[in-house]
Protein backbone atom coordinates (compact mmCIF):
# COMPACT_ATOMS: atom_id res chain seq x y z
CA UNK A 1 -133.43 31.49 175.60
CA UNK A 2 -135.12 34.34 177.48
CA UNK A 3 -138.22 35.62 175.68
CA UNK A 4 -137.82 38.52 173.25
CA UNK A 5 -139.81 41.54 174.46
CA UNK A 6 -140.76 44.52 172.32
CA UNK A 7 -143.00 47.39 173.42
CA UNK A 8 -144.26 49.86 170.82
CA UNK A 9 -146.67 52.79 171.11
CA UNK A 10 -148.82 53.90 168.20
CA UNK A 11 -151.32 56.68 167.58
CA UNK A 12 -153.62 54.10 165.96
CA UNK A 13 -156.72 53.13 167.92
CA UNK A 14 -156.41 49.68 169.51
CA UNK A 15 -158.91 47.99 167.12
CA UNK A 16 -156.98 49.24 164.05
CA UNK A 17 -153.60 48.25 165.52
CA UNK A 18 -155.09 44.81 166.28
CA UNK A 19 -156.45 44.44 162.73
CA UNK A 20 -153.06 45.24 161.21
CA UNK A 21 -151.09 43.02 163.58
CA UNK A 22 -153.33 40.01 163.07
CA UNK A 23 -153.40 40.20 159.27
CA UNK A 24 -151.12 37.18 158.96
CA UNK A 25 -150.46 37.55 155.23
CA UNK A 26 -149.12 41.08 155.81
CA UNK A 27 -146.55 39.67 158.27
CA UNK A 28 -144.81 37.87 155.42
CA UNK A 29 -144.46 41.07 153.42
CA UNK A 30 -142.68 42.73 156.35
CA UNK A 31 -140.05 40.02 156.91
CA UNK A 32 -137.32 39.70 154.25
CA UNK A 33 -137.53 36.64 151.98
CA UNK A 34 -140.75 35.48 153.66
CA UNK A 35 -144.23 34.63 152.41
CA UNK A 36 -147.12 33.78 154.71
CA UNK A 37 -149.93 31.44 153.75
CA UNK A 38 -153.08 31.06 155.86
CA UNK A 39 -154.35 27.47 155.77
CA UNK A 40 -157.71 27.96 157.48
CA UNK A 41 -160.76 29.92 156.36
CA UNK A 42 -161.35 33.39 157.82
CA UNK A 43 -162.02 34.87 160.25
CA UNK A 44 -159.06 34.33 162.56
CA UNK A 45 -159.98 32.44 165.73
CA UNK A 46 -158.53 29.79 168.03
CA UNK A 47 -157.36 27.03 165.72
CA UNK A 48 -156.40 29.29 162.80
CA UNK A 49 -153.22 27.94 161.18
CA UNK A 50 -150.72 29.70 158.94
CA UNK A 51 -147.16 29.17 157.77
CA UNK A 52 -144.38 31.66 157.20
CA UNK A 53 -141.95 30.27 154.59
CA UNK A 54 -138.55 31.96 154.56
CA UNK A 55 -135.72 31.42 152.14
CA UNK A 56 -134.53 31.58 148.55
CA UNK A 57 -135.01 28.84 145.98
CA UNK A 58 -134.68 25.41 147.53
CA UNK A 59 -133.03 26.75 150.68
CA UNK A 60 -136.15 27.45 152.74
CA UNK A 61 -137.72 26.61 156.05
CA UNK A 62 -141.30 26.72 157.24
CA UNK A 63 -142.53 28.29 160.46
CA UNK A 64 -146.05 26.83 160.91
CA UNK A 65 -148.12 28.46 163.65
CA UNK A 66 -151.51 28.00 165.26
CA UNK A 67 -153.61 30.56 167.13
CA UNK A 68 -154.23 29.22 170.66
CA UNK A 69 -155.63 32.41 172.27
CA UNK A 70 -157.80 34.93 170.41
CA UNK A 71 -159.22 37.85 172.40
CA UNK A 72 -159.66 41.01 170.29
CA UNK A 73 -159.56 44.31 172.17
CA UNK A 74 -162.83 45.78 173.36
CA UNK A 75 -163.67 49.23 174.70
CA UNK A 76 -161.23 49.70 177.55
CA UNK A 77 -159.71 46.21 177.54
CA UNK A 78 -156.60 44.78 175.89
CA UNK A 79 -156.57 42.31 173.05
CA UNK A 80 -154.39 39.20 173.22
CA UNK A 81 -153.36 36.65 170.60
CA UNK A 82 -151.02 33.74 171.27
CA UNK A 83 -149.40 31.67 168.55
CA UNK A 84 -147.71 28.31 169.03
CA UNK A 85 -144.94 27.51 166.58
CA UNK A 86 -145.29 23.94 165.34
CA UNK A 87 -142.32 23.55 163.03
CA UNK A 88 -139.39 21.19 162.91
CA UNK A 89 -136.87 24.06 162.64
CA UNK A 90 -138.47 27.02 164.46
CA UNK A 91 -140.17 26.26 167.77
CA UNK A 92 -141.65 28.24 170.64
CA UNK A 93 -144.51 30.73 170.82
CA UNK A 94 -145.39 34.36 170.22
CA UNK A 95 -147.85 36.60 172.01
CA UNK A 96 -149.13 40.00 170.90
CA UNK A 97 -151.05 42.22 173.31
CA UNK A 98 -152.72 45.46 172.19
CA UNK A 99 -153.69 47.83 175.02
CA UNK A 100 -155.79 50.94 174.43
CA UNK A 101 -154.20 54.14 175.75
CA UNK A 102 -156.06 57.16 177.08
CA UNK A 103 -156.96 59.51 175.55
CA UNK A 104 -155.95 57.86 172.25
CA UNK A 105 -153.62 55.33 170.67
CA UNK A 106 -152.44 51.92 171.76
CA UNK A 107 -149.49 50.14 173.28
CA UNK A 108 -148.36 46.88 171.68
CA UNK A 109 -146.43 44.28 173.64
CA UNK A 110 -144.81 41.57 171.52
CA UNK A 111 -143.37 38.65 173.47
CA UNK A 112 -141.67 35.78 171.66
CA UNK A 113 -140.00 32.60 172.86
CA UNK A 114 -137.96 31.51 169.89
CA UNK A 115 -135.90 28.34 169.55
CA UNK A 116 -134.16 27.07 166.45
CA UNK A 117 -133.36 23.38 166.18
CA UNK A 118 -129.64 22.75 166.16
CA UNK A 119 -128.68 26.04 167.80
CA UNK A 120 -127.61 25.62 171.41
CA UNK A 121 -127.39 28.14 174.26
CA UNK A 122 -124.20 29.78 172.94
CA UNK A 123 -126.32 31.17 170.08
CA UNK A 124 -129.03 32.62 172.37
CA UNK A 125 -127.63 36.19 172.43
CA UNK A 126 -127.31 36.30 168.62
CA UNK A 127 -130.78 34.78 168.12
CA UNK A 128 -132.31 37.23 170.62
CA UNK A 129 -130.67 40.26 168.99
CA UNK A 130 -131.74 39.12 165.51
CA UNK A 131 -135.28 38.46 166.78
CA UNK A 132 -135.58 41.90 168.38
CA UNK A 133 -134.37 43.56 165.17
CA UNK A 134 -136.55 41.47 162.84
CA UNK A 135 -139.74 41.56 164.93
CA UNK A 136 -139.25 45.22 165.89
CA UNK A 137 -139.02 46.23 162.24
CA UNK A 138 -142.00 44.09 161.27
CA UNK A 139 -144.06 45.59 164.11
CA UNK A 140 -143.18 49.15 163.09
CA UNK A 141 -143.99 48.46 159.43
CA UNK A 142 -147.29 46.74 160.20
CA UNK A 143 -148.40 49.76 162.24
CA UNK A 144 -147.17 52.36 159.75
CA UNK A 145 -149.93 54.40 158.16
């Protein structure tokens, strides 16, 4: 499946946008029927692991992820975090880039390569549309004041 790409501009300064977007437990509260649990001690760094569990009752699936790139934004330079999905159902990777904008604000670029075990290429358009909707909403909510 082609990667899902979402670009979002915010009036938040890049460090604040980064803080909100990398608060992994907040991600779960923005995705319906999902709870996120961080398995490693803070702060976030390369090697941090967390799992998003989605579902109702016994019908659930886990989306375990590990941070493989961790470069917070600095004055004038973009921040970049890359997550590798390590589950049996959901596979792929996600990348979030936060670029400072002049004179203020930030641009967020969310790129996600999402694969779901058992769903072949005919489902790619549906999966991509659902991903754009789900991740776009989560991104907007995470950045909301």
